[in-house]
Amino acid sequence: MKVKLDELAAAMEKSDVMQGYVDIEAGKVLLFGEEFSDAAGHREETEEERLEHVFSIEDQWQRYVALPNAYEPDERGIMLAFAASLKDEEKKEQMLAVLQGDGAVARFERYLKKLLLTQEWKGYLHQYFLDAARDWCDEND
């Protein structure tokens, strides 16, 4: 089975709010949340089509592999790794400092904007999820 790594990474990036599955026969990534779409963000399906997919997963469970929540294990650890990867020592120290104690995630997001690191963070996350998707593929054949 082949699956597009970019689609898998995109689904894993949404894994904290949507449940994803890989259809191993079709090589497609499916996402379930308030809305239903494939990982590439193609059109939402009707409620009838959505239910058809849900029943298909239940009836043919061996055909689908659930995606893990890629954030759950260590969201703060991802942020710490990003901060540690910064080349600008002053920005690195500031970002590492804001990740200490309660409220670290909110402070991290504020400081991303303040230090003009939002684009670097997005690039880092994209690479993180590509690596996570590649690892997941290796683990799940």
N, C-alpha and C. Protein backbone atom coordinates (compact mmCIF):
# COMPACT_ATOMS: atom_id res chain seq x y z
N MET A 1 0.84 -1.17 0.00
CA MET A 1 0.00 0.00 0.00
C MET A 1 0.88 1.23 0.00
N LYS A 2 0.51 2.20 -0.80
CA LYS A 2 1.21 3.47 -0.81
C LYS A 2 0.25 4.55 -0.37
N VAL A 3 0.78 5.49 0.37
CA VAL A 3 0.00 6.64 0.82
C VAL A 3 0.88 7.86 0.61
N LYS A 4 0.28 8.98 0.29
CA LYS A 4 1.04 10.20 0.08
C LYS A 4 1.50 10.73 1.43
N LEU A 5 2.81 10.88 1.56
CA LEU A 5 3.39 11.29 2.83
C LEU A 5 2.90 12.67 3.25
N ASP A 6 2.75 13.59 2.31
CA ASP A 6 2.25 14.93 2.64
C ASP A 6 0.83 14.88 3.20
N GLU A 7 -0.02 14.01 2.62
CA GLU A 7 -1.39 13.88 3.13
C GLU A 7 -1.40 13.27 4.52
N LEU A 8 -0.54 12.29 4.73
CA LEU A 8 -0.46 11.67 6.04
C LEU A 8 0.04 12.67 7.07
N ALA A 9 1.07 13.44 6.72
CA ALA A 9 1.60 14.46 7.64
C ALA A 9 0.54 15.51 7.95
N ALA A 10 -0.24 15.92 6.94
CA ALA A 10 -1.30 16.91 7.16
C ALA A 10 -2.36 16.37 8.11
N ALA A 11 -2.69 15.09 7.98
CA ALA A 11 -3.67 14.47 8.88
C ALA A 11 -3.12 14.39 10.29
N MET A 12 -1.86 14.06 10.42
CA MET A 12 -1.25 13.98 11.76
C MET A 12 -1.19 15.35 12.42
N GLU A 13 -1.04 16.38 11.61
CA GLU A 13 -1.02 17.74 12.15
C GLU A 13 -2.37 18.12 12.74
N LYS A 14 -3.44 17.51 12.26
CA LYS A 14 -4.78 17.78 12.77
C LYS A 14 -5.23 16.73 13.79
N SER A 15 -4.33 15.84 14.15
CA SER A 15 -4.70 14.69 14.97
C SER A 15 -5.13 15.05 16.40
N ASP A 16 -4.87 16.28 16.81
CA ASP A 16 -5.32 16.66 18.15
C ASP A 16 -6.80 17.03 18.17
N VAL A 17 -7.39 17.28 16.99
CA VAL A 17 -8.80 17.66 16.94
C VAL A 17 -9.64 16.76 16.03
N MET A 18 -9.02 15.91 15.26
CA MET A 18 -9.74 15.04 14.34
C MET A 18 -9.14 13.64 14.38
N GLN A 19 -9.98 12.63 14.28
CA GLN A 19 -9.50 11.25 14.20
C GLN A 19 -9.22 10.92 12.74
N GLY A 20 -8.06 10.36 12.49
CA GLY A 20 -7.70 10.00 11.13
C GLY A 20 -7.51 8.50 10.97
N TYR A 21 -7.73 8.03 9.75
CA TYR A 21 -7.53 6.63 9.40
C TYR A 21 -6.85 6.57 8.05
N VAL A 22 -6.09 5.50 7.84
CA VAL A 22 -5.55 5.22 6.52
C VAL A 22 -6.29 4.01 5.98
N ASP A 23 -6.86 4.17 4.81
CA ASP A 23 -7.50 3.07 4.09
C ASP A 23 -6.36 2.36 3.37
N ILE A 24 -5.94 1.22 3.89
CA ILE A 24 -4.74 0.57 3.34
C ILE A 24 -4.96 -0.06 1.97
N GLU A 25 -6.21 -0.28 1.60
CA GLU A 25 -6.47 -0.80 0.25
C GLU A 25 -6.44 0.31 -0.79
N ALA A 26 -6.99 1.45 -0.44
CA ALA A 26 -7.06 2.57 -1.40
C ALA A 26 -5.88 3.53 -1.26
N GLY A 27 -5.14 3.43 -0.15
CA GLY A 27 -4.02 4.35 0.06
C GLY A 27 -4.47 5.77 0.32
N LYS A 28 -5.64 5.92 0.94
CA LYS A 28 -6.18 7.25 1.22
C LYS A 28 -6.19 7.51 2.72
N VAL A 29 -6.04 8.78 3.05
CA VAL A 29 -6.10 9.22 4.43
C VAL A 29 -7.46 9.89 4.64
N LEU A 30 -8.18 9.44 5.66
CA LEU A 30 -9.51 9.97 5.97
C LEU A 30 -9.47 10.65 7.33
N LEU A 31 -10.17 11.78 7.46
CA LEU A 31 -10.24 12.51 8.72
C LEU A 31 -11.68 12.66 9.15
N PHE A 32 -11.93 12.43 10.45
CA PHE A 32 -13.25 12.61 11.02
C PHE A 32 -13.16 13.64 12.14
N GLY A 33 -14.05 14.58 12.11
CA GLY A 33 -14.17 15.59 13.15
C GLY A 33 -15.57 16.12 13.07
N GLU A 34 -15.72 17.41 13.30
CA GLU A 34 -17.03 18.01 13.10
C GLU A 34 -17.43 17.92 11.64
N GLU A 35 -16.42 17.98 10.79
CA GLU A 35 -16.62 17.87 9.36
C GLU A 35 -15.86 16.66 8.89
N PHE A 36 -16.11 16.22 7.68
CA PHE A 36 -15.40 15.07 7.14
C PHE A 36 -14.77 15.47 5.82
N SER A 37 -13.50 15.17 5.67
CA SER A 37 -12.83 15.41 4.40
C SER A 37 -11.67 14.45 4.33
N ASP A 38 -11.05 14.40 3.16
CA ASP A 38 -9.83 13.62 3.12
C ASP A 38 -8.70 14.53 3.60
N ALA A 39 -7.53 13.99 3.80
CA ALA A 39 -6.44 14.75 4.39
C ALA A 39 -5.98 15.90 3.51
N ALA A 40 -6.20 15.79 2.22
CA ALA A 40 -5.80 16.85 1.30
C ALA A 40 -6.77 18.02 1.35
N GLY A 41 -7.85 17.87 2.12
CA GLY A 41 -8.80 18.96 2.28
C GLY A 41 -9.82 19.04 1.15
N HIS A 42 -9.97 17.95 0.41
CA HIS A 42 -10.96 17.95 -0.65
C HIS A 42 -12.36 18.08 -0.07
N ARG A 43 -13.31 18.26 -0.91
CA ARG A 43 -14.68 18.58 -0.51
C ARG A 43 -15.16 17.75 0.68
N GLU A 44 -15.97 18.39 1.46
CA GLU A 44 -16.61 17.68 2.57
C GLU A 44 -17.67 16.77 1.99
N GLU A 45 -17.87 15.68 2.64
CA GLU A 45 -18.88 14.73 2.18
C GLU A 45 -20.21 15.04 2.84
N THR A 46 -21.25 14.54 2.23
CA THR A 46 -22.58 14.68 2.81
C THR A 46 -22.65 13.79 4.05
N GLU A 47 -23.66 14.02 4.86
CA GLU A 47 -23.85 13.20 6.07
C GLU A 47 -24.03 11.73 5.69
N GLU A 48 -24.73 11.48 4.61
CA GLU A 48 -24.94 10.10 4.16
C GLU A 48 -23.62 9.44 3.77
N GLU A 49 -22.78 10.16 3.04
CA GLU A 49 -21.47 9.62 2.65
C GLU A 49 -20.58 9.41 3.87
N ARG A 50 -20.67 10.34 4.81
CA ARG A 50 -19.88 10.23 6.04
C ARG A 50 -20.27 8.98 6.81
N LEU A 51 -21.58 8.76 6.97
CA LEU A 51 -22.04 7.56 7.67
C LEU A 51 -21.63 6.29 6.94
N GLU A 52 -21.64 6.36 5.63
CA GLU A 52 -21.20 5.21 4.83
C GLU A 52 -19.74 4.87 5.15
N HIS A 53 -18.89 5.90 5.28
CA HIS A 53 -17.50 5.66 5.65
C HIS A 53 -17.37 5.09 7.06
N VAL A 54 -18.13 5.64 7.98
CA VAL A 54 -18.09 5.15 9.37
C VAL A 54 -18.48 3.67 9.41
N PHE A 55 -19.55 3.32 8.73
CA PHE A 55 -19.98 1.92 8.72
C PHE A 55 -18.96 1.04 7.99
N SER A 56 -18.35 1.57 6.97
CA SER A 56 -17.33 0.82 6.24
C SER A 56 -16.15 0.50 7.16
N ILE A 57 -15.77 1.48 7.96
CA ILE A 57 -14.66 1.27 8.90
C ILE A 57 -15.04 0.21 9.93
N GLU A 58 -16.27 0.27 10.42
CA GLU A 58 -16.73 -0.73 11.38
C GLU A 58 -16.82 -2.11 10.76
N ASP A 59 -17.37 -2.19 9.55
CA ASP A 59 -17.57 -3.48 8.90
C ASP A 59 -16.27 -4.08 8.36
N GLN A 60 -15.38 -3.24 7.92
CA GLN A 60 -14.14 -3.71 7.30
C GLN A 60 -12.94 -3.16 8.08
N TRP A 61 -12.97 -3.30 9.39
CA TRP A 61 -11.96 -2.71 10.26
C TRP A 61 -10.54 -3.10 9.88
N GLN A 62 -10.34 -4.29 9.33
CA GLN A 62 -8.99 -4.74 8.97
C GLN A 62 -8.41 -3.92 7.82
N ARG A 63 -9.25 -3.18 7.13
CA ARG A 63 -8.82 -2.37 5.99
C ARG A 63 -8.32 -0.99 6.42
N TYR A 64 -8.59 -0.59 7.66
CA TYR A 64 -8.28 0.76 8.14
C TYR A 64 -7.31 0.72 9.32
N VAL A 65 -6.37 1.65 9.30
CA VAL A 65 -5.44 1.78 10.42
C VAL A 65 -5.62 3.18 10.99
N ALA A 66 -5.91 3.25 12.29
CA ALA A 66 -6.13 4.54 12.95
C ALA A 66 -4.81 5.27 13.12
N LEU A 67 -4.86 6.58 12.93
CA LEU A 67 -3.69 7.42 13.15
C LEU A 67 -3.63 7.83 14.62
N PRO A 68 -2.42 7.93 15.14
CA PRO A 68 -2.29 8.36 16.54
C PRO A 68 -2.44 9.87 16.66
N ASN A 69 -2.68 10.35 17.86
CA ASN A 69 -2.64 11.79 18.13
C ASN A 69 -1.16 12.16 18.23
N ALA A 70 -0.66 12.83 17.22
CA ALA A 70 0.77 13.13 17.17
C ALA A 70 1.19 14.21 18.16
N TYR A 71 0.25 14.98 18.68
CA TYR A 71 0.57 16.01 19.67
C TYR A 71 0.62 15.44 21.07
N GLU A 72 -0.26 14.49 21.33
CA GLU A 72 -0.50 14.03 22.69
C GLU A 72 0.75 13.63 23.47
N PRO A 73 1.66 12.87 22.88
CA PRO A 73 2.76 12.40 23.70
C PRO A 73 3.60 13.52 24.31
N ASP A 74 3.84 14.61 23.56
CA ASP A 74 4.77 15.59 24.09
C ASP A 74 4.73 16.91 23.34
N GLU A 75 3.61 17.61 23.43
CA GLU A 75 3.49 18.90 22.75
C GLU A 75 4.56 19.88 23.23
N ARG A 76 4.75 19.93 24.52
CA ARG A 76 5.77 20.83 25.08
C ARG A 76 7.16 20.43 24.61
N GLY A 77 7.40 19.13 24.49
CA GLY A 77 8.69 18.65 24.01
C GLY A 77 8.98 19.09 22.58
N ILE A 78 7.94 19.14 21.75
CA ILE A 78 8.10 19.61 20.37
C ILE A 78 8.52 21.08 20.39
N MET A 79 7.87 21.84 21.26
CA MET A 79 8.19 23.27 21.38
C MET A 79 9.61 23.47 21.90
N LEU A 80 10.00 22.67 22.88
CA LEU A 80 11.36 22.76 23.42
C LEU A 80 12.41 22.42 22.36
N ALA A 81 12.13 21.40 21.57
CA ALA A 81 13.06 21.02 20.50
C ALA A 81 13.17 22.13 19.46
N PHE A 82 12.05 22.78 19.14
CA PHE A 82 12.10 23.91 18.22
C PHE A 82 12.96 25.02 18.79
N ALA A 83 12.69 25.38 20.04
CA ALA A 83 13.46 26.46 20.68
C ALA A 83 14.95 26.13 20.69
N ALA A 84 15.28 24.90 21.01
CA ALA A 84 16.69 24.49 21.06
C ALA A 84 17.34 24.50 19.68
N SER A 85 16.53 24.39 18.62
CA SER A 85 17.09 24.37 17.27
C SER A 85 17.38 25.76 16.71
N LEU A 86 16.92 26.80 17.40
CA LEU A 86 17.13 28.16 16.90
C LEU A 86 18.61 28.52 16.89
N LYS A 87 19.03 29.14 15.82
CA LYS A 87 20.45 29.51 15.68
C LYS A 87 20.77 30.81 16.41
N ASP A 88 19.81 31.72 16.48
CA ASP A 88 19.99 32.98 17.18
C ASP A 88 19.94 32.69 18.69
N GLU A 89 21.08 32.82 19.35
CA GLU A 89 21.19 32.45 20.77
C GLU A 89 20.24 33.24 21.66
N GLU A 90 20.06 34.52 21.38
CA GLU A 90 19.18 35.34 22.21
C GLU A 90 17.73 34.86 22.10
N LYS A 91 17.28 34.60 20.87
CA LYS A 91 15.92 34.10 20.66
C LYS A 91 15.77 32.70 21.27
N LYS A 92 16.80 31.88 21.13
CA LYS A 92 16.77 30.53 21.71
C LYS A 92 16.57 30.60 23.22
N GLU A 93 17.35 31.44 23.89
CA GLU A 93 17.25 31.57 25.35
C GLU A 93 15.86 32.07 25.77
N GLN A 94 15.33 33.05 25.02
CA GLN A 94 14.01 33.58 25.35
C GLN A 94 12.93 32.51 25.18
N MET A 95 12.99 31.79 24.09
CA MET A 95 11.98 30.76 23.84
C MET A 95 12.07 29.62 24.85
N LEU A 96 13.27 29.22 25.21
CA LEU A 96 13.43 28.18 26.23
C LEU A 96 12.89 28.66 27.58
N ALA A 97 13.10 29.93 27.87
CA ALA A 97 12.64 30.49 29.15
C ALA A 97 11.11 30.53 29.21
N VAL A 98 10.44 30.90 28.12
CA VAL A 98 8.98 31.00 28.16
C VAL A 98 8.31 29.64 28.29
N LEU A 99 9.05 28.58 28.01
CA LEU A 99 8.48 27.23 28.09
C LEU A 99 8.58 26.62 29.49
N GLN A 100 9.04 27.40 30.44
CA GLN A 100 9.13 26.92 31.82
C GLN A 100 7.86 27.28 32.58
N GLY A 101 7.35 26.34 33.37
CA GLY A 101 6.21 26.60 34.25
C GLY A 101 4.85 26.53 33.57
N ASP A 102 3.83 26.88 34.35
CA ASP A 102 2.45 26.86 33.87
C ASP A 102 2.23 27.93 32.81
N GLY A 103 1.32 27.66 31.89
CA GLY A 103 0.98 28.63 30.85
C GLY A 103 2.01 28.72 29.75
N ALA A 104 2.88 27.73 29.67
CA ALA A 104 3.98 27.77 28.70
C ALA A 104 3.51 27.83 27.25
N VAL A 105 2.46 27.10 26.93
CA VAL A 105 1.99 27.06 25.54
C VAL A 105 1.50 28.43 25.09
N ALA A 106 0.72 29.10 25.92
CA ALA A 106 0.22 30.44 25.57
C ALA A 106 1.38 31.42 25.43
N ARG A 107 2.33 31.36 26.35
CA ARG A 107 3.49 32.26 26.26
C ARG A 107 4.30 31.96 25.00
N PHE A 108 4.46 30.68 24.70
CA PHE A 108 5.20 30.27 23.51
C PHE A 108 4.59 30.91 22.26
N GLU A 109 3.28 30.82 22.14
CA GLU A 109 2.60 31.38 20.96
C GLU A 109 2.75 32.90 20.90
N ARG A 110 2.69 33.57 22.03
CA ARG A 110 2.89 35.03 22.05
C ARG A 110 4.31 35.38 21.61
N TYR A 111 5.28 34.65 22.14
CA TYR A 111 6.67 34.95 21.81
C TYR A 111 7.04 34.58 20.38
N LEU A 112 6.36 33.60 19.81
CA LEU A 112 6.58 33.32 18.38
C LEU A 112 6.30 34.58 17.57
N LYS A 113 5.19 35.24 17.88
CA LYS A 113 4.82 36.47 17.17
C LYS A 113 5.77 37.61 17.51
N LYS A 114 6.05 37.76 18.79
CA LYS A 114 6.90 38.86 19.25
C LYS A 114 8.30 38.77 18.62
N LEU A 115 8.85 37.57 18.52
CA LEU A 115 10.21 37.40 17.99
C LEU A 115 10.23 37.10 16.49
N LEU A 116 9.05 37.21 15.86
CA LEU A 116 8.92 36.98 14.42
C LEU A 116 9.41 35.59 14.01
N LEU A 117 8.96 34.59 14.76
CA LEU A 117 9.37 33.21 14.51
C LEU A 117 8.23 32.33 14.01
N THR A 118 7.09 32.91 13.71
CA THR A 118 5.92 32.11 13.32
C THR A 118 6.21 31.25 12.09
N GLN A 119 6.83 31.83 11.07
CA GLN A 119 7.11 31.06 9.84
C GLN A 119 8.12 29.94 10.12
N GLU A 120 9.13 30.23 10.93
CA GLU A 120 10.09 29.18 11.28
C GLU A 120 9.41 28.05 12.03
N TRP A 121 8.50 28.38 12.94
CA TRP A 121 7.75 27.38 13.70
C TRP A 121 6.91 26.53 12.77
N LYS A 122 6.21 27.15 11.83
CA LYS A 122 5.40 26.40 10.87
C LYS A 122 6.26 25.45 10.05
N GLY A 123 7.42 25.91 9.61
CA GLY A 123 8.34 25.05 8.86
C GLY A 123 8.84 23.90 9.71
N TYR A 124 9.16 24.19 10.97
CA TYR A 124 9.63 23.16 11.89
C TYR A 124 8.54 22.11 12.11
N LEU A 125 7.31 22.58 12.35
CA LEU A 125 6.19 21.65 12.56
C LEU A 125 5.93 20.80 11.32
N HIS A 126 6.01 21.43 10.15
CA HIS A 126 5.79 20.67 8.91
C HIS A 126 6.81 19.54 8.80
N GLN A 127 8.06 19.85 9.07
CA GLN A 127 9.11 18.81 9.01
C GLN A 127 8.91 17.76 10.10
N TYR A 128 8.50 18.21 11.28
CA TYR A 128 8.23 17.28 12.39
C TYR A 128 7.16 16.27 11.98
N PHE A 129 6.06 16.75 11.39
CA PHE A 129 4.98 15.86 11.01
C PHE A 129 5.34 14.98 9.81
N LEU A 130 6.17 15.48 8.91
CA LEU A 130 6.66 14.62 7.82
C LEU A 130 7.48 13.47 8.40
N ASP A 131 8.36 13.80 9.36
CA ASP A 131 9.17 12.76 10.00
C ASP A 131 8.29 11.78 10.78
N ALA A 132 7.28 12.31 11.49
CA ALA A 132 6.37 11.45 12.25
C ALA A 132 5.59 10.54 11.30
N ALA A 133 5.17 11.08 10.17
CA ALA A 133 4.42 10.29 9.18
C ALA A 133 5.31 9.18 8.61
N ARG A 134 6.56 9.52 8.31
CA ARG A 134 7.50 8.53 7.78
C ARG A 134 7.74 7.42 8.80
N ASP A 135 7.94 7.81 10.06
CA ASP A 135 8.13 6.82 11.12
C ASP A 135 6.89 5.92 11.28
N TRP A 136 5.70 6.54 11.24
CA TRP A 136 4.46 5.79 11.37
C TRP A 136 4.34 4.78 10.22
N CYS A 137 4.70 5.21 9.02
CA CYS A 137 4.64 4.28 7.86
C CYS A 137 5.58 3.10 8.06
N ASP A 138 6.79 3.39 8.55
CA ASP A 138 7.75 2.31 8.81
C ASP A 138 7.20 1.33 9.84
N GLU A 139 6.59 1.85 10.90
CA GLU A 139 6.06 1.01 11.97
C GLU A 139 4.84 0.20 11.54
N ASN A 140 4.10 0.72 10.57
CA ASN A 140 2.84 0.09 10.15
C ASN A 140 2.90 -0.51 8.76
N ASP A 141 4.10 -0.69 8.27
CA ASP A 141 4.31 -1.27 6.93
C ASP A 141 3.49 -0.58 5.86
